[in-house]
Amino acid sequence: MAASVICRRTLVICDIFKKISTHKTPHSAATAASYLNGLLLQTASYNPRPLNRNLKDPYIPDKNSDETPEWQKTSKYDNKLYGRYGSASGINPASLWPSHAELDKIIAEENEWQPRLEVMLNNIAAREKEEAEKRLAKEKLIAANMEKMPKMIADWRKEKREAKQKVKEEKARRDKLLAEARERFGYALDPRSPKFLEMVAEIEKEEKKKRKLMKRRLREEQAGVPFTPPVSSNLDSKKT
């Protein structure tokens, strides 16, 4: 601590000498000289507090005692004792050196946190290469998606048109069924009523039968067999 204070004040003194050499006026030179004298007196009278080291009767903890704290039985505390009392601590300096396992751990930590310049450059090159590959892959994906964009937009618009057309057809079919129910029963029916649902099921059954007959007629015409008309359905008999 004393050495650091003296070094700092020495630097201040050197700075003052430089300022004195640059100033040419007598007043400024006298002011700087008086300040320098005061600083020199203050530095000379500095008396740092001595270190609390009792070399005659140092405190050496008994590691075999149960009353000794555990932290005073560690090798770290032995280092502290030897650094404070030296050979008076009764500690063998050779025991303060790290073991082979500790040395391996220290070397591994240094290699991880303080790698060599060559290793650092290789790591930087590998990271830059990985980032470049990721950026290139991302750019390729964006380019591929941009090529697909017109088709994706066209498909989306087609789906929207088909969905709108389907809703329109469903609404027209529902209106047609409601009109047919009103014509058949003479009054408007609730689409959720059993009568209306029964009528819809019957109509769907008839439409399915008609589609089958159309397919059969096409097959018979292609085979050259004369078409035999079917028997009138129940729905037609009801209408007549």
Protein backbone atom coordinates (compact mmCIF):
# COMPACT_ATOMS: atom_id res chain seq x y z
CA MET A 1 0.00 0.00 0.00
CA ALA A 2 2.82 2.38 0.94
CA ALA A 3 4.65 1.63 -2.30
CA SER A 4 1.55 2.37 -4.39
CA VAL A 5 1.00 5.69 -2.60
CA ILE A 6 4.62 6.69 -3.14
CA CYS A 7 4.40 5.75 -6.82
CA ARG A 8 1.30 7.83 -7.32
CA ARG A 9 2.85 10.83 -5.61
CA THR A 10 6.05 10.42 -7.61
CA LEU A 11 3.98 10.62 -10.79
CA VAL A 12 2.32 13.78 -9.46
CA ILE A 13 5.74 15.30 -8.73
CA CYS A 14 6.93 14.49 -12.25
CA ASP A 15 3.82 16.10 -13.65
CA ILE A 16 4.44 19.22 -11.58
CA PHE A 17 8.01 19.44 -12.85
CA LYS A 18 6.70 19.32 -16.40
CA LYS A 19 4.23 22.11 -15.65
CA ILE A 20 6.99 24.21 -14.08
CA SER A 21 9.14 23.81 -17.15
CA THR A 22 6.30 24.91 -19.45
CA HIS A 23 5.29 27.97 -17.37
CA LYS A 24 7.49 31.02 -17.81
CA THR A 25 5.82 33.48 -15.40
CA PRO A 26 7.44 33.91 -11.96
CA HIS A 27 4.11 33.75 -10.15
CA SER A 28 3.13 30.37 -11.56
CA ALA A 29 6.61 28.96 -10.93
CA ALA A 30 6.51 30.10 -7.32
CA THR A 31 3.05 28.61 -6.78
CA ALA A 32 4.10 25.29 -8.24
CA ALA A 33 7.31 25.26 -6.17
CA SER A 34 5.42 25.87 -2.95
CA TYR A 35 2.93 23.14 -3.75
CA LEU A 36 5.83 20.79 -4.54
CA ASN A 37 7.51 21.51 -1.25
CA GLY A 38 4.30 20.77 0.64
CA LEU A 39 3.81 17.54 -1.25
CA LEU A 40 7.39 16.43 -0.57
CA LEU A 41 6.97 17.13 3.14
CA GLN A 42 3.71 15.18 3.19
CA THR A 43 5.35 12.24 1.39
CA ALA A 44 8.36 12.25 3.68
CA SER A 45 6.16 12.29 6.78
CA TYR A 46 4.02 9.38 5.57
CA ASN A 47 4.22 6.56 8.09
CA PRO A 48 2.20 3.53 7.00
CA ARG A 49 0.75 1.22 9.62
CA PRO A 50 2.95 -1.86 9.96
CA LEU A 51 1.53 -5.25 9.17
CA ASN A 52 0.13 -7.14 12.15
CA ARG A 53 2.63 -9.97 12.15
CA ASN A 54 3.64 -11.57 15.43
CA LEU A 55 6.68 -13.54 14.31
CA LYS A 56 7.68 -14.42 17.85
CA ASP A 57 4.43 -16.11 18.75
CA PRO A 58 2.37 -16.59 15.58
CA TYR A 59 -1.07 -18.10 15.72
CA ILE A 60 -0.87 -21.58 14.19
CA PRO A 61 -4.20 -23.46 14.42
CA ASP A 62 -4.23 -27.03 15.63
CA LYS A 63 -5.74 -29.07 12.80
CA ASN A 64 -6.28 -32.05 15.07
CA SER A 65 -8.44 -30.08 17.47
CA ASP A 66 -12.23 -30.16 17.18
CA GLU A 67 -12.39 -26.52 18.29
CA THR A 68 -10.46 -25.33 15.25
CA PRO A 69 -12.79 -24.09 12.50
CA GLU A 70 -12.82 -26.12 9.33
CA TRP A 71 -11.78 -23.20 7.15
CA GLN A 72 -8.52 -22.94 9.15
CA LYS A 73 -7.69 -26.56 8.27
CA THR A 74 -7.68 -26.01 4.52
CA SER A 75 -4.68 -25.68 2.22
CA LYS A 76 -5.86 -22.18 1.33
CA TYR A 77 -5.40 -21.10 4.93
CA ASP A 78 -1.95 -22.77 4.98
CA ASN A 79 -0.99 -20.61 2.01
CA LYS A 80 -2.15 -17.56 3.93
CA LEU A 81 -0.18 -18.55 7.03
CA TYR A 82 3.01 -19.20 5.09
CA GLY A 83 2.62 -15.93 3.22
CA ARG A 84 2.23 -14.05 6.52
CA TYR A 85 4.76 -15.80 8.79
CA GLY A 86 7.02 -17.64 6.38
CA SER A 87 9.02 -20.49 7.90
CA ALA A 88 7.76 -19.43 11.37
CA SER A 89 4.39 -20.93 10.43
CA GLY A 90 5.93 -24.41 10.52
CA ILE A 91 4.40 -25.23 7.12
CA ASN A 92 6.42 -27.11 4.55
CA PRO A 93 6.48 -25.01 1.34
CA ALA A 94 6.45 -28.17 -0.76
CA SER A 95 3.01 -29.02 0.59
CA LEU A 96 1.63 -25.76 -0.79
CA TRP A 97 2.18 -26.79 -4.39
CA PRO A 98 -0.92 -28.12 -6.15
CA SER A 99 -1.29 -31.83 -6.71
CA HIS A 100 -1.30 -33.47 -10.15
CA ALA A 101 -5.10 -33.48 -10.20
CA GLU A 102 -5.24 -29.81 -9.20
CA LEU A 103 -2.63 -28.95 -11.84
CA ASP A 104 -4.69 -30.75 -14.49
CA LYS A 105 -7.76 -28.81 -13.36
CA ILE A 106 -5.85 -25.51 -13.50
CA ILE A 107 -4.53 -26.32 -16.97
CA ALA A 108 -8.02 -27.27 -18.15
CA GLU A 109 -9.44 -23.99 -16.79
CA GLU A 110 -6.67 -22.00 -18.46
CA ASN A 111 -7.29 -23.78 -21.76
CA GLU A 112 -11.01 -23.03 -21.46
CA TRP A 113 -10.91 -19.44 -20.24
CA GLN A 114 -7.49 -18.35 -21.50
CA PRO A 115 -6.85 -20.34 -24.67
CA ARG A 116 -3.85 -19.79 -26.90
CA LEU A 117 -4.02 -17.36 -29.78
CA GLU A 118 -4.05 -20.16 -32.33
CA VAL A 119 -6.97 -21.84 -30.59
CA MET A 120 -8.85 -18.53 -30.36
CA LEU A 121 -8.32 -17.87 -34.07
CA ASN A 122 -9.49 -21.37 -34.96
CA ASN A 123 -12.59 -20.93 -32.78
CA ILE A 124 -13.36 -17.59 -34.43
CA ALA A 125 -12.92 -19.10 -37.91
CA ALA A 126 -15.16 -22.06 -37.04
CA ARG A 127 -17.84 -19.76 -35.59
CA GLU A 128 -17.74 -17.49 -38.63
CA LYS A 129 -17.99 -20.51 -40.93
CA GLU A 130 -20.98 -21.85 -39.00
CA GLU A 131 -22.71 -18.45 -39.08
CA ALA A 132 -22.04 -18.16 -42.82
CA GLU A 133 -23.52 -21.61 -43.45
CA LYS A 134 -26.60 -20.77 -41.40
CA ARG A 135 -27.03 -17.47 -43.26
CA LEU A 136 -26.62 -19.21 -46.63
CA ALA A 137 -29.17 -21.89 -45.69
CA LYS A 138 -31.60 -19.18 -44.56
CA GLU A 139 -31.12 -17.24 -47.78
CA LYS A 140 -31.73 -20.41 -49.84
CA LEU A 141 -34.91 -21.12 -47.87
CA ILE A 142 -36.14 -17.56 -48.41
CA ALA A 143 -35.36 -17.77 -52.14
CA ALA A 144 -37.19 -21.11 -52.44
CA ASN A 145 -40.21 -19.73 -50.61
CA MET A 146 -40.22 -16.63 -52.80
CA GLU A 147 -40.30 -18.86 -55.88
CA LYS A 148 -43.29 -20.72 -54.43
CA MET A 149 -45.04 -17.50 -53.41
CA PRO A 150 -47.07 -16.95 -56.65
CA LYS A 151 -48.38 -20.54 -56.58
CA MET A 152 -49.14 -20.27 -52.85
CA ILE A 153 -51.08 -17.04 -53.42
CA ALA A 154 -52.98 -18.60 -56.34
CA ASP A 155 -53.83 -21.69 -54.27
CA TRP A 156 -54.99 -19.50 -51.39
CA ARG A 157 -57.21 -17.45 -53.68
CA LYS A 158 -58.60 -20.65 -55.24
CA GLU A 159 -59.41 -22.05 -51.79
CA LYS A 160 -61.13 -18.79 -50.87
CA ARG A 161 -63.21 -18.88 -54.08
CA GLU A 162 -64.10 -22.54 -53.57
CA ALA A 163 -65.07 -21.92 -49.94
CA LYS A 164 -67.21 -18.96 -50.96
CA GLN A 165 -68.80 -20.99 -53.76
CA LYS A 166 -69.49 -23.86 -51.37
CA VAL A 167 -71.19 -21.53 -48.90
CA LYS A 168 -73.22 -20.08 -51.74
CA GLU A 169 -74.26 -23.55 -52.97
CA GLU A 170 -75.17 -24.67 -49.46
CA LYS A 171 -77.32 -21.58 -49.00
CA ALA A 172 -79.04 -22.14 -52.38
CA ARG A 173 -79.68 -25.82 -51.56
CA ARG A 174 -81.09 -24.91 -48.14
CA ASP A 175 -83.37 -22.29 -49.69
CA LYS A 176 -84.49 -24.84 -52.28
CA LEU A 177 -85.26 -27.44 -49.60
CA LEU A 178 -87.20 -24.87 -47.55
CA ALA A 179 -89.20 -23.89 -50.64
CA GLU A 180 -89.93 -27.53 -51.43
CA ALA A 181 -91.02 -28.18 -47.84
CA ARG A 182 -93.36 -25.17 -47.98
CA GLU A 183 -94.81 -26.42 -51.24
CA ARG A 184 -95.26 -29.97 -49.92
CA PHE A 185 -96.67 -29.21 -46.47
CA GLY A 186 -98.34 -25.88 -47.22
CA TYR A 187 -96.45 -23.90 -44.57
CA ALA A 188 -92.87 -22.97 -43.68
CA LEU A 189 -90.93 -25.51 -41.64
CA ASP A 190 -88.17 -25.03 -39.13
CA PRO A 191 -84.91 -26.47 -40.64
CA ARG A 192 -84.31 -28.18 -37.28
CA SER A 193 -87.71 -29.87 -37.11
CA PRO A 194 -87.98 -33.68 -37.50
CA LYS A 195 -90.33 -33.28 -40.50
CA PHE A 196 -87.82 -31.18 -42.39
CA LEU A 197 -84.91 -33.49 -41.55
CA GLU A 198 -86.94 -36.52 -42.64
CA MET A 199 -87.79 -34.83 -45.92
CA VAL A 200 -84.10 -33.96 -46.50
CA ALA A 201 -83.05 -37.57 -45.84
CA GLU A 202 -85.70 -38.81 -48.29
CA ILE A 203 -84.59 -36.36 -50.98
CA GLU A 204 -80.93 -37.32 -50.52
CA LYS A 205 -81.90 -40.98 -50.83
CA GLU A 206 -83.73 -40.28 -54.10
CA GLU A 207 -80.80 -38.23 -55.45
CA LYS A 208 -78.43 -41.08 -54.62
CA LYS A 209 -80.71 -43.52 -56.45
CA LYS A 210 -80.85 -41.22 -59.47
CA ARG A 211 -77.05 -41.00 -59.61
CA LYS A 212 -76.82 -44.80 -59.55
CA LEU A 213 -79.37 -45.04 -62.36
CA MET A 214 -77.43 -42.50 -64.44
CA LYS A 215 -74.24 -44.52 -64.02
CA ARG A 216 -76.10 -47.71 -64.95
CA ARG A 217 -77.58 -46.07 -68.03
CA LEU A 218 -74.14 -44.85 -69.15
CA ARG A 219 -72.67 -48.35 -68.73
CA GLU A 220 -75.54 -49.96 -70.67
CA GLU A 221 -75.28 -47.40 -73.46
CA GLN A 222 -71.55 -47.98 -73.75
CA ALA A 223 -72.16 -51.77 -73.82
CA GLY A 224 -74.96 -51.43 -76.44
CA VAL A 225 -77.63 -52.86 -74.14
CA PRO A 226 -81.09 -51.18 -74.28
CA PHE A 227 -81.83 -49.19 -71.16
CA THR A 228 -84.67 -50.45 -68.93
CA PRO A 229 -86.45 -47.58 -67.12
CA PRO A 230 -86.87 -48.11 -63.36
CA VAL A 231 -90.09 -48.35 -61.44
CA SER A 232 -91.43 -45.00 -60.22
CA SER A 233 -90.14 -44.08 -56.75
CA ASN A 234 -92.20 -43.48 -53.64
CA LEU A 235 -91.42 -39.78 -53.82
CA ASP A 236 -92.82 -39.54 -57.37
CA SER A 237 -95.96 -41.41 -56.32
CA LYS A 238 -96.42 -39.00 -53.44
CA LYS A 239 -96.03 -36.03 -55.76
CA THR A 240 -98.58 -37.45 -58.21
